PDB file of N, CA and C in Angstrom:
ATOM      1  N   MET A   1       0.844  -1.184   0.000  1.00  0.00           N
ATOM      2  CA  MET A   1       0.000   0.000   0.000  1.00  0.00           C
ATOM      3  C   MET A   1       0.886   1.243   0.000  1.00  0.00           C
ATOM      4  N   MET A   2       0.561   2.189  -0.866  1.00  0.00           N
ATOM      5  CA  MET A   2       1.357   3.398  -1.001  1.00  0.00           C
ATOM      6  C   MET A   2       0.713   4.540  -0.214  1.00  0.00           C
ATOM      7  N   HIS A   3       1.515   5.251   0.557  1.00  0.00           N
ATOM      8  CA  HIS A   3       1.036   6.382   1.347  1.00  0.00           C
ATOM      9  C   HIS A   3       1.220   7.663   0.534  1.00  0.00           C
ATOM     10  N   HIS A   4       0.142   8.437   0.409  1.00  0.00           N
ATOM     11  CA  HIS A   4       0.194   9.692  -0.338  1.00  0.00           C
ATOM     12  C   HIS A   4       0.169  10.849   0.657  1.00  0.00           C
ATOM     13  N   ASP A   5       1.275  11.568   0.739  1.00  0.00           N
ATOM     14  CA  ASP A   5       1.388  12.697   1.655  1.00  0.00           C
ATOM     15  C   ASP A   5       0.869  13.956   0.979  1.00  0.00           C
ATOM     16  N   ARG A   6      -0.035  14.660   1.619  1.00  0.00           N
ATOM     17  CA  ARG A   6      -0.619  15.871   1.040  1.00  0.00           C
ATOM     18  C   ARG A   6       0.090  17.131   1.506  1.00  0.00           C
ATOM     19  N   GLY A   7       1.239  16.995   2.131  1.00  0.00           N
ATOM     20  CA  GLY A   7       2.001  18.159   2.568  1.00  0.00           C
ATOM     21  C   GLY A   7       1.282  18.930   3.653  1.00  0.00           C
ATOM     22  N   SER A   8       1.312  20.254   3.553  1.00  0.00           N
ATOM     23  CA  SER A   8       0.719  21.094   4.595  1.00  0.00           C
ATOM     24  C   SER A   8      -0.803  21.118   4.534  1.00  0.00           C
ATOM     25  N   ILE A   9      -1.402  20.600   3.470  1.00  0.00           N
ATOM     26  CA  ILE A   9      -2.869  20.576   3.372  1.00  0.00           C
ATOM     27  C   ILE A   9      -3.468  19.719   4.480  1.00  0.00           C
ATOM     28  N   LYS A  10      -2.795  18.635   4.848  1.00  0.00           N
ATOM     29  CA  LYS A  10      -3.355  17.714   5.840  1.00  0.00           C
ATOM     30  C   LYS A  10      -3.515  18.351   7.219  1.00  0.00           C
ATOM     31  N   TRP A  11      -2.800  19.426   7.490  1.00  0.00           N
ATOM     32  CA  TRP A  11      -2.864  20.065   8.806  1.00  0.00           C
ATOM     33  C   TRP A  11      -3.926  21.158   8.882  1.00  0.00           C
ATOM     34  N   THR A  12      -4.515  21.555   7.783  1.00  0.00           N
ATOM     35  CA  THR A  12      -5.443  22.691   7.794  1.00  0.00           C
ATOM     36  C   THR A  12      -6.703  22.410   8.604  1.00  0.00           C
ATOM     37  N   SER A  13      -7.088  21.157   8.754  1.00  0.00           N
ATOM     38  CA  SER A  13      -8.278  20.862   9.553  1.00  0.00           C
ATOM     39  C   SER A  13      -8.030  21.103  11.037  1.00  0.00           C
ATOM     40  N   LEU A  14      -6.783  21.150  11.451  1.00  0.00           N
ATOM     41  CA  LEU A  14      -6.439  21.373  12.852  1.00  0.00           C
ATOM     42  C   LEU A  14      -6.081  22.828  13.159  1.00  0.00           C
ATOM     43  N   MET A  15      -6.108  23.681  12.161  1.00  0.00           N
ATOM     44  CA  MET A  15      -5.695  25.076  12.329  1.00  0.00           C
ATOM     45  C   MET A  15      -6.887  25.990  12.577  1.00  0.00           C
ATOM     46  N   LEU A  16      -6.577  27.136  13.149  1.00  0.00           N
ATOM     47  CA  LEU A  16      -7.573  28.192  13.288  1.00  0.00           C
ATOM     48  C   LEU A  16      -7.878  28.766  11.904  1.00  0.00           C
ATOM     49  N   PRO A  17      -9.090  29.269  11.700  1.00  0.00           N
ATOM     50  CA  PRO A  17      -9.435  29.826  10.378  1.00  0.00           C
ATOM     51  C   PRO A  17      -8.474  30.926   9.912  1.00  0.00           C
ATOM     52  N   GLU A  18      -7.971  31.726  10.849  1.00  0.00           N
ATOM     53  CA  GLU A  18      -7.039  32.795  10.478  1.00  0.00           C
ATOM     54  C   GLU A  18      -5.741  32.212   9.927  1.00  0.00           C
ATOM     55  N   HIS A  19      -5.315  31.086  10.515  1.00  0.00           N
ATOM     56  CA  HIS A  19      -4.087  30.451  10.053  1.00  0.00           C
ATOM     57  C   HIS A  19      -4.281  29.810   8.676  1.00  0.00           C
ATOM     58  N   VAL A  20      -5.460  29.249   8.447  1.00  0.00           N
ATOM     59  CA  VAL A  20      -5.762  28.663   7.141  1.00  0.00           C
ATOM     60  C   VAL A  20      -5.746  29.759   6.069  1.00  0.00           C
ATOM     61  N   ASP A  21      -6.338  30.910   6.372  1.00  0.00           N
ATOM     62  CA  ASP A  21      -6.339  32.037   5.429  1.00  0.00           C
ATOM     63  C   ASP A  21      -4.916  32.506   5.127  1.00  0.00           C
ATOM     64  N   ALA A  22      -4.086  32.598   6.164  1.00  0.00           N
ATOM     65  CA  ALA A  22      -2.698  33.013   5.968  1.00  0.00           C
ATOM     66  C   ALA A  22      -1.935  32.006   5.118  1.00  0.00           C
ATOM     67  N   LEU A  23      -2.182  30.720   5.357  1.00  0.00           N
ATOM     68  CA  LEU A  23      -1.526  29.681   4.575  1.00  0.00           C
ATOM     69  C   LEU A  23      -1.955  29.734   3.109  1.00  0.00           C
ATOM     70  N   GLN A  24      -3.232  29.978   2.856  1.00  0.00           N
ATOM     71  CA  GLN A  24      -3.711  30.103   1.480  1.00  0.00           C
ATOM     72  C   GLN A  24      -3.103  31.315   0.782  1.00  0.00           C
ATOM     73  N   ASP A  25      -2.905  32.416   1.533  1.00  0.00           N
ATOM     74  CA  ASP A  25      -2.250  33.594   0.967  1.00  0.00           C
ATOM     75  C   ASP A  25      -0.812  33.271   0.558  1.00  0.00           C
ATOM     76  N   ILE A  26      -0.123  32.503   1.389  1.00  0.00           N
ATOM     77  CA  ILE A  26       1.257  32.102   1.076  1.00  0.00           C
ATOM     78  C   ILE A  26       1.281  31.250  -0.188  1.00  0.00           C
ATOM     79  N   TRP A  27       0.356  30.299  -0.303  1.00  0.00           N
ATOM     80  CA  TRP A  27       0.306  29.447  -1.490  1.00  0.00           C
ATOM     81  C   TRP A  27       0.052  30.272  -2.743  1.00  0.00           C
ATOM     82  N   GLN A  28      -0.821  31.262  -2.648  1.00  0.00           N
ATOM     83  CA  GLN A  28      -1.135  32.087  -3.807  1.00  0.00           C
ATOM     84  C   GLN A  28       0.082  32.899  -4.238  1.00  0.00           C
ATOM     85  N   VAL A  29       0.831  33.445  -3.283  1.00  0.00           N
ATOM     86  CA  VAL A  29       2.034  34.203  -3.612  1.00  0.00           C
ATOM     87  C   VAL A  29       3.062  33.293  -4.282  1.00  0.00           C
ATOM     88  N   GLN A  30       3.184  32.060  -3.806  1.00  0.00           N
ATOM     89  CA  GLN A  30       4.134  31.124  -4.405  1.00  0.00           C
ATOM     90  C   GLN A  30       3.729  30.756  -5.828  1.00  0.00           C
ATOM     91  N   ASP A  31       2.438  30.671  -6.091  1.00  0.00           N
ATOM     92  CA  ASP A  31       1.965  30.310  -7.426  1.00  0.00           C
ATOM     93  C   ASP A  31       2.151  31.439  -8.432  1.00  0.00           C
ATOM     94  N   ASN A  32       2.070  32.684  -7.996  1.00  0.00           N
ATOM     95  CA  ASN A  32       2.239  33.828  -8.885  1.00  0.00           C
ATOM     96  C   ASN A  32       3.714  34.183  -8.980  1.00  0.00           C
ATOM     97  N   GLN A  33       4.386  33.619  -9.961  1.00  0.00           N
ATOM     98  CA  GLN A  33       5.802  33.886 -10.140  1.00  0.00           C
ATOM     99  C   GLN A  33       5.986  35.208 -10.863  1.00  0.00           C
ATOM    100  N   GLN A  34       7.125  35.810 -10.632  1.00  0.00           N
ATOM    101  CA  GLN A  34       7.434  37.107 -11.223  1.00  0.00           C
ATOM    102  C   GLN A  34       8.437  36.935 -12.357  1.00  0.00           C
ATOM    103  N   PRO A  35       8.399  37.833 -13.354  1.00  0.00           N
ATOM    104  CA  PRO A  35       9.384  37.744 -14.432  1.00  0.00           C
ATOM    105  C   PRO A  35      10.794  37.971 -13.896  1.00  0.00           C
ATOM    106  N   PRO A  36      11.790  37.423 -14.573  1.00  0.00           N
ATOM    107  CA  PRO A  36      13.164  37.590 -14.095  1.00  0.00           C
ATOM    108  C   PRO A  36      13.619  39.038 -14.205  1.00  0.00           C
ATOM    109  N   MET A  37      14.482  39.428 -13.301  1.00  0.00           N
ATOM    110  CA  MET A  37      15.060  40.770 -13.316  1.00  0.00           C
ATOM    111  C   MET A  37      16.468  40.661 -13.903  1.00  0.00           C
ATOM    112  N   LEU A  38      16.599  40.985 -15.191  1.00  0.00           N
ATOM    113  CA  LEU A  38      17.881  40.853 -15.872  1.00  0.00           C
ATOM    114  C   LEU A  38      18.646  42.164 -15.839  1.00  0.00           C
ATOM    115  N   ASP A  39      19.950  42.056 -15.612  1.00  0.00           N
ATOM    116  CA  ASP A  39      20.781  43.239 -15.756  1.00  0.00           C
ATOM    117  C   ASP A  39      21.314  43.277 -17.197  1.00  0.00           C
ATOM    118  N   ASP A  40      21.985  44.347 -17.549  1.00  0.00           N
ATOM    119  CA  ASP A  40      22.446  44.518 -18.928  1.00  0.00           C
ATOM    120  C   ASP A  40      23.467  43.458 -19.333  1.00  0.00           C
ATOM    121  N   GLN A  41      24.274  43.004 -18.380  1.00  0.00           N
ATOM    122  CA  GLN A  41      25.277  41.991 -18.675  1.00  0.00           C
ATOM    123  C   GLN A  41      24.616  40.653 -19.047  1.00  0.00           C
ATOM    124  N   GLN A  42      23.593  40.257 -18.309  1.00  0.00           N
ATOM    125  CA  GLN A  42      22.873  39.029 -18.637  1.00  0.00           C
ATOM    126  C   GLN A  42      22.173  39.148 -19.985  1.00  0.00           C
ATOM    127  N   LEU A  43      21.573  40.295 -20.235  1.00  0.00           N
ATOM    128  CA  LEU A  43      20.890  40.532 -21.505  1.00  0.00           C
ATOM    129  C   LEU A  43      21.871  40.451 -22.669  1.00  0.00           C
ATOM    130  N   ASP A  44      23.054  41.039 -22.531  1.00  0.00           N
ATOM    131  CA  ASP A  44      24.077  40.952 -23.568  1.00  0.00           C
ATOM    132  C   ASP A  44      24.522  39.509 -23.795  1.00  0.00           C
ATOM    133  N   TYR A  45      24.649  38.748 -22.710  1.00  0.00           N
ATOM    134  CA  TYR A  45      25.029  37.342 -22.833  1.00  0.00           C
ATOM    135  C   TYR A  45      23.965  36.555 -23.600  1.00  0.00           C
ATOM    136  N   TYR A  46      22.696  36.778 -23.275  1.00  0.00           N
ATOM    137  CA  TYR A  46      21.612  36.083 -23.979  1.00  0.00           C
ATOM    138  C   TYR A  46      21.598  36.444 -25.462  1.00  0.00           C
ATOM    139  N   ILE A  47      21.817  37.704 -25.773  1.00  0.00           N
ATOM    140  CA  ILE A  47      21.865  38.136 -27.169  1.00  0.00           C
ATOM    141  C   ILE A  47      23.008  37.427 -27.892  1.00  0.00           C
ATOM    142  N   HIS A  48      24.150  37.311 -27.228  1.00  0.00           N
ATOM    143  CA  HIS A  48      25.302  36.623 -27.823  1.00  0.00           C
ATOM    144  C   HIS A  48      24.984  35.148 -28.094  1.00  0.00           C
ATOM    145  N   VAL A  49      24.400  34.472 -27.119  1.00  0.00           N
ATOM    146  CA  VAL A  49      24.066  33.053 -27.272  1.00  0.00           C
ATOM    147  C   VAL A  49      23.023  32.859 -28.367  1.00  0.00           C
ATOM    148  N   LEU A  50      22.002  33.701 -28.400  1.00  0.00           N
ATOM    149  CA  LEU A  50      20.961  33.594 -29.418  1.00  0.00           C
ATOM    150  C   LEU A  50      21.507  33.859 -30.818  1.00  0.00           C
ATOM    151  N   THR A  51      22.385  34.852 -30.941  1.00  0.00           N
ATOM    152  CA  THR A  51      22.991  35.168 -32.232  1.00  0.00           C
ATOM    153  C   THR A  51      23.852  34.015 -32.728  1.00  0.00           C
ATOM    154  N   GLU A  52      24.653  33.454 -31.839  1.00  0.00           N
ATOM    155  CA  GLU A  52      25.501  32.323 -32.211  1.00  0.00           C
ATOM    156  C   GLU A  52      24.660  31.110 -32.612  1.00  0.00           C
ATOM    157  N   ALA A  53      23.590  30.842 -31.882  1.00  0.00           N
ATOM    158  CA  ALA A  53      22.712  29.714 -32.209  1.00  0.00           C
ATOM    159  C   ALA A  53      22.019  29.944 -33.547  1.00  0.00           C
ATOM    160  N   TYR A  54      21.654  31.186 -33.844  1.00  0.00           N
ATOM    161  CA  TYR A  54      21.016  31.508 -35.123  1.00  0.00           C
ATOM    162  C   TYR A  54      21.981  31.280 -36.286  1.00  0.00           C
ATOM    163  N   GLN A  55      23.224  31.749 -36.114  1.00  0.00           N
ATOM    164  CA  GLN A  55      24.213  31.638 -37.192  1.00  0.00           C
ATOM    165  C   GLN A  55      24.647  30.203 -37.440  1.00  0.00           C
ATOM    166  N   THR A  56      24.681  29.375 -36.400  1.00  0.00           N
ATOM    167  CA  THR A  56      25.149  27.990 -36.539  1.00  0.00           C
ATOM    168  C   THR A  56      23.999  26.994 -36.618  1.00  0.00           C
ATOM    169  N   ASP A  57      22.761  27.480 -36.535  1.00  0.00           N
ATOM    170  CA  ASP A  57      21.562  26.636 -36.586  1.00  0.00           C
ATOM    171  C   ASP A  57      21.586  25.559 -35.493  1.00  0.00           C
ATOM    172  N   GLN A  58      21.989  25.971 -34.296  1.00  0.00           N
ATOM    173  CA  GLN A  58      22.049  25.060 -33.154  1.00  0.00           C
ATOM    174  C   GLN A  58      20.766  25.169 -32.330  1.00  0.00           C
ATOM    175  N   PRO A  59      20.233  24.044 -31.853  1.00  0.00           N
ATOM    176  CA  PRO A  59      19.042  24.103 -30.993  1.00  0.00           C
ATOM    177  C   PRO A  59      19.393  24.617 -29.599  1.00  0.00           C
ATOM    178  N   LEU A  60      18.421  25.220 -28.960  1.00  0.00           N
ATOM    179  CA  LEU A  60      18.591  25.770 -27.617  1.00  0.00           C
ATOM    180  C   LEU A  60      17.478  25.274 -26.704  1.00  0.00           C
ATOM    181  N   HIS A  61      17.756  25.307 -25.413  1.00  0.00           N
ATOM    182  CA  HIS A  61      16.729  25.076 -24.385  1.00  0.00           C
ATOM    183  C   HIS A  61      16.558  26.417 -23.673  1.00  0.00           C
ATOM    184  N   ILE A  62      15.361  26.977 -23.753  1.00  0.00           N
ATOM    185  CA  ILE A  62      15.097  28.301 -23.184  1.00  0.00           C
ATOM    186  C   ILE A  62      14.025  28.184 -22.111  1.00  0.00           C
ATOM    187  N   VAL A  63      14.318  28.744 -20.940  1.00  0.00           N
ATOM    188  CA  VAL A  63      13.342  28.858 -19.868  1.00  0.00           C
ATOM    189  C   VAL A  63      12.932  30.325 -19.828  1.00  0.00           C
ATOM    190  N   TYR A  64      11.618  30.578 -19.918  1.00  0.00           N
ATOM    191  CA  TYR A  64      11.133  31.952 -19.998  1.00  0.00           C
ATOM    192  C   TYR A  64       9.836  32.107 -19.212  1.00  0.00           C
ATOM    193  N   TYR A  65       9.508  33.370 -18.951  1.00  0.00           N
ATOM    194  CA  TYR A  65       8.329  33.727 -18.169  1.00  0.00           C
ATOM    195  C   TYR A  65       7.176  34.064 -19.101  1.00  0.00           C
ATOM    196  N   LYS A  66       6.008  33.462 -18.810  1.00  0.00           N
ATOM    197  CA  LYS A  66       4.799  33.802 -19.568  1.00  0.00           C
ATOM    198  C   LYS A  66       3.581  33.462 -18.720  1.00  0.00           C
ATOM    199  N   ALA A  67       2.678  34.394 -18.582  1.00  0.00           N
ATOM    200  CA  ALA A  67       1.401  34.191 -17.886  1.00  0.00           C
ATOM    201  C   ALA A  67       1.594  33.672 -16.464  1.00  0.00           C
ATOM    202  N   ASN A  68       2.372  34.385 -15.670  1.00  0.00           N
ATOM    203  CA  ASN A  68       2.590  34.099 -14.247  1.00  0.00           C
ATOM    204  C   ASN A  68       3.266  32.765 -13.960  1.00  0.00           C
ATOM    205  N   GLU A  69       4.001  32.224 -14.918  1.00  0.00           N
ATOM    206  CA  GLU A  69       4.735  30.984 -14.670  1.00  0.00           C
ATOM    207  C   GLU A  69       5.934  30.904 -15.606  1.00  0.00           C
ATOM    208  N   PHE A  70       6.862  30.030 -15.259  1.00  0.00           N
ATOM    209  CA  PHE A  70       8.010  29.796 -16.114  1.00  0.00           C
ATOM    210  C   PHE A  70       7.741  28.588 -16.987  1.00  0.00           C
ATOM    211  N   ARG A  71       8.078  28.723 -18.259  1.00  0.00           N
ATOM    212  CA  ARG A  71       7.887  27.656 -19.241  1.00  0.00           C
ATOM    213  C   ARG A  71       9.237  27.348 -19.879  1.00  0.00           C
ATOM    214  N   ALA A  72       9.310  26.206 -20.512  1.00  0.00           N
ATOM    215  CA  ALA A  72      10.543  25.811 -21.193  1.00  0.00           C
ATOM    216  C   ALA A  72      10.222  25.398 -22.619  1.00  0.00           C
ATOM    217  N   VAL A  73      11.161  25.679 -23.516  1.00  0.00           N
ATOM    218  CA  VAL A  73      11.002  25.299 -24.915  1.00  0.00           C
ATOM    219  C   VAL A  73      12.363  24.854 -25.452  1.00  0.00           C
ATOM    220  N   ASN A  74      12.342  23.828 -26.266  1.00  0.00           N
ATOM    221  CA  ASN A  74      13.519  23.393 -27.008  1.00  0.00           C
ATOM    222  C   ASN A  74      13.270  23.739 -28.466  1.00  0.00           C
ATOM    223  N   GLY A  75      14.235  24.429 -29.096  1.00  0.00           N
ATOM    224  CA  GLY A  75      14.014  24.791 -30.477  1.00  0.00           C
ATOM    225  C   GLY A  75      15.134  25.611 -31.064  1.00  0.00           C
ATOM    226  N   TRP A  76      14.841  26.206 -32.234  1.00  0.00           N
ATOM    227  CA  TRP A  76      15.817  26.958 -33.000  1.00  0.00           C
ATOM    228  C   TRP A  76      15.373  28.408 -33.127  1.00  0.00           C
ATOM    229  N   VAL A  77      16.347  29.294 -33.244  1.00  0.00           N
ATOM    230  CA  VAL A  77      16.076  30.718 -33.429  1.00  0.00           C
ATOM    231  C   VAL A  77      15.722  30.951 -34.895  1.00  0.00           C
ATOM    232  N   LEU A  78      14.528  31.508 -35.146  1.00  0.00           N
ATOM    233  CA  LEU A  78      14.079  31.799 -36.510  1.00  0.00           C
ATOM    234  C   LEU A  78      14.303  33.245 -36.905  1.00  0.00           C
ATOM    235  N   ASP A  79      14.058  34.143 -35.950  1.00  0.00           N
ATOM    236  CA  ASP A  79      14.067  35.563 -36.282  1.00  0.00           C
ATOM    237  C   ASP A  79      14.368  36.365 -35.028  1.00  0.00           C
ATOM    238  N   TRP A  80      14.664  37.623 -35.248  1.00  0.00           N
ATOM    239  CA  TRP A  80      15.034  38.518 -34.165  1.00  0.00           C
ATOM    240  C   TRP A  80      14.462  39.890 -34.462  1.00  0.00           C
ATOM    241  N   SER A  81      13.848  40.529 -33.471  1.00  0.00           N
ATOM    242  CA  SER A  81      13.307  41.864 -33.665  1.00  0.00           C
ATOM    243  C   SER A  81      13.994  42.837 -32.710  1.00  0.00           C
ATOM    244  N   LYS A  82      14.758  43.753 -33.279  1.00  0.00           N
ATOM    245  CA  LYS A  82      15.428  44.754 -32.445  1.00  0.00           C
ATOM    246  C   LYS A  82      14.426  45.764 -31.893  1.00  0.00           C
ATOM    247  N   GLU A  83      13.352  46.005 -32.650  1.00  0.00           N
ATOM    248  CA  GLU A  83      12.342  46.977 -32.219  1.00  0.00           C
ATOM    249  C   GLU A  83      11.630  46.533 -30.946  1.00  0.00           C
ATOM    250  N   THR A  84      11.209  45.273 -30.921  1.00  0.00           N
ATOM    251  CA  THR A  84      10.458  44.768 -29.765  1.00  0.00           C
ATOM    252  C   THR A  84      11.336  44.018 -28.779  1.00  0.00           C
ATOM    253  N   GLN A  85      12.630  43.877 -29.090  1.00  0.00           N
ATOM    254  CA  GLN A  85      13.562  43.137 -28.231  1.00  0.00           C
ATOM    255  C   GLN A  85      13.015  41.738 -27.923  1.00  0.00           C
ATOM    256  N   ALA A  86      12.676  41.011 -29.001  1.00  0.00           N
ATOM    257  CA  ALA A  86      12.118  39.670 -28.869  1.00  0.00           C
ATOM    258  C   ALA A  86      12.767  38.744 -29.883  1.00  0.00           C
ATOM    259  N   VAL A  87      12.722  37.469 -29.576  1.00  0.00           N
ATOM    260  CA  VAL A  87      13.278  36.454 -30.452  1.00  0.00           C
ATOM    261  C   VAL A  87      12.170  35.468 -30.809  1.00  0.00           C
ATOM    262  N   ARG A  88      12.173  35.017 -32.058  1.00  0.00           N
ATOM    263  CA  ARG A  88      11.165  34.050 -32.499  1.00  0.00           C
ATOM    264  C   ARG A  88      11.803  32.658 -32.507  1.00  0.00           C
ATOM    265  N   ILE A  89      11.165  31.737 -31.824  1.00  0.00           N
ATOM    266  CA  ILE A  89      11.677  30.382 -31.656  1.00  0.00           C
ATOM    267  C   ILE A  89      10.741  29.395 -32.335  1.00  0.00           C
ATOM    268  N   GLN A  90      11.331  28.435 -33.041  1.00  0.00           N
ATOM    269  CA  GLN A  90      10.556  27.303 -33.566  1.00  0.00           C
ATOM    270  C   GLN A  90      10.892  26.109 -32.695  1.00  0.00           C
ATOM    271  N   SER A  91       9.872  25.591 -32.026  1.00  0.00           N
ATOM    272  CA  SER A  91      10.099  24.484 -31.104  1.00  0.00           C
ATOM    273  C   SER A  91      10.259  23.174 -31.858  1.00  0.00           C
ATOM    274  N   THR A  92      10.654  22.145 -31.151  1.00  0.00           N
ATOM    275  CA  THR A  92      10.796  20.821 -31.757  1.00  0.00           C
ATOM    276  C   THR A  92       9.444  20.267 -32.192  1.00  0.00           C
ATOM    277  N   ASP A  93       8.344  20.844 -31.665  1.00  0.00           N
ATOM    278  CA  ASP A  93       6.987  20.450 -32.069  1.00  0.00           C
ATOM    279  C   ASP A  93       6.470  21.283 -33.248  1.00  0.00           C
ATOM    280  N   ASP A  94       7.343  22.066 -33.864  1.00  0.00           N
ATOM    281  CA  ASP A  94       7.018  22.971 -34.977  1.00  0.00           C
ATOM    282  C   ASP A  94       6.110  24.136 -34.583  1.00  0.00           C
ATOM    283  N   ASP A  95       5.989  24.423 -33.295  1.00  0.00           N
ATOM    284  CA  ASP A  95       5.284  25.627 -32.853  1.00  0.00           C
ATOM    285  C   ASP A  95       6.249  26.801 -32.956  1.00  0.00           C
ATOM    286  N   ARG A  96       5.709  27.973 -33.278  1.00  0.00           N
ATOM    287  CA  ARG A  96       6.533  29.184 -33.376  1.00  0.00           C
ATOM    288  C   ARG A  96       5.999  30.212 -32.398  1.00  0.00           C
ATOM    289  N   GLU A  97       6.942  30.858 -31.702  1.00  0.00           N
ATOM    290  CA  GLU A  97       6.539  31.788 -30.649  1.00  0.00           C
ATOM    291  C   GLU A  97       7.576  32.896 -30.506  1.00  0.00           C
ATOM    292  N   TRP A  98       7.073  34.115 -30.276  1.00  0.00           N
ATOM    293  CA  TRP A  98       7.936  35.248 -29.968  1.00  0.00           C
ATOM    294  C   TRP A  98       8.139  35.298 -28.457  1.00  0.00           C
ATOM    295  N   ILE A  99       9.379  35.418 -28.033  1.00  0.00           N
ATOM    296  CA  ILE A  99       9.711  35.489 -26.615  1.00  0.00           C
ATOM    297  C   ILE A  99      10.471  36.787 -26.371  1.00  0.00           C
ATOM    298  N   PRO A 100       9.943  37.682 -25.519  1.00  0.00           N
ATOM    299  CA  PRO A 100      10.685  38.901 -25.190  1.00  0.00           C
ATOM    300  C   PRO A 100      11.990  38.550 -24.454  1.00  0.00           C
ATOM    301  N   LEU A 101      13.060  39.236 -24.795  1.00  0.00           N
ATOM    302  CA  LEU A 101      14.353  38.943 -24.171  1.00  0.00           C
ATOM    303  C   LEU A 101      14.328  39.146 -22.665  1.00  0.00           C
ATOM    304  N   ARG A 102      13.593  40.128 -22.212  1.00  0.00           N
ATOM    305  CA  ARG A 102      13.540  40.416 -20.770  1.00  0.00           C
ATOM    306  C   ARG A 102      12.788  39.341 -19.982  1.00  0.00           C
ATOM    307  N   HIS A 103      12.111  38.429 -20.670  1.00  0.00           N
ATOM    308  CA  HIS A 103      11.384  37.338 -19.997  1.00  0.00           C
ATOM    309  C   HIS A 103      12.167  36.039 -19.958  1.00  0.00           C
ATOM    310  N   ILE A 104      13.349  36.031 -20.559  1.00  0.00           N
ATOM    311  CA  ILE A 104      14.170  34.820 -20.563  1.00  0.00           C
ATOM    312  C   ILE A 104      14.882  34.677 -19.220  1.00  0.00           C
ATOM    313  N   LYS A 105      14.741  33.497 -18.635  1.00  0.00           N
ATOM    314  CA  LYS A 105      15.398  33.220 -17.362  1.00  0.00           C
ATOM    315  C   LYS A 105      16.716  32.477 -17.559  1.00  0.00           C
ATOM    316  N   ASP A 106      16.751  31.559 -18.551  1.00  0.00           N
ATOM    317  CA  ASP A 106      17.952  30.761 -18.764  1.00  0.00           C
ATOM    318  C   ASP A 106      17.991  30.242 -20.192  1.00  0.00           C
ATOM    319  N   ILE A 107      19.190  30.149 -20.750  1.00  0.00           N
ATOM    320  CA  ILE A 107      19.405  29.581 -22.078  1.00  0.00           C
ATOM    321  C   ILE A 107      20.558  28.593 -21.985  1.00  0.00           C
ATOM    322  N   THR A 108      20.345  27.398 -22.503  1.00  0.00           N
ATOM    323  CA  THR A 108      21.430  26.428 -22.614  1.00  0.00           C
ATOM    324  C   THR A 108      21.420  25.849 -24.022  1.00  0.00           C
ATOM    325  N   GLY A 109      22.613  25.495 -24.490  1.00  0.00           N
ATOM    326  CA  GLY A 109      22.745  24.997 -25.856  1.00  0.00           C
ATOM    327  C   GLY A 109      22.836  23.565 -25.970  1.00  0.00           C
TER     328      GLY A 109
END
């Protein structure tokens, strides 16, 4: 028989209502992730990696922020927009998406 631990949820029946409300507030804050705060050096590094991957047609793994969460995509750089500071990625599933540079958390080749 396998035991399924529900974490801190199992203790809420023993807590005061005020404590349950506070715990739910904490969970909500944890679920709402914030976009990464990039400095200019990180941004320059990402531009360098993206440019090199575009020129050599190398696939990348990109972790980026979208809709209050971090997502990951594996794919190739298709295009670059200096005006909007975004890169267009074609994923391994043939999906195409524009990703703002300021929303990129990590890039690996």
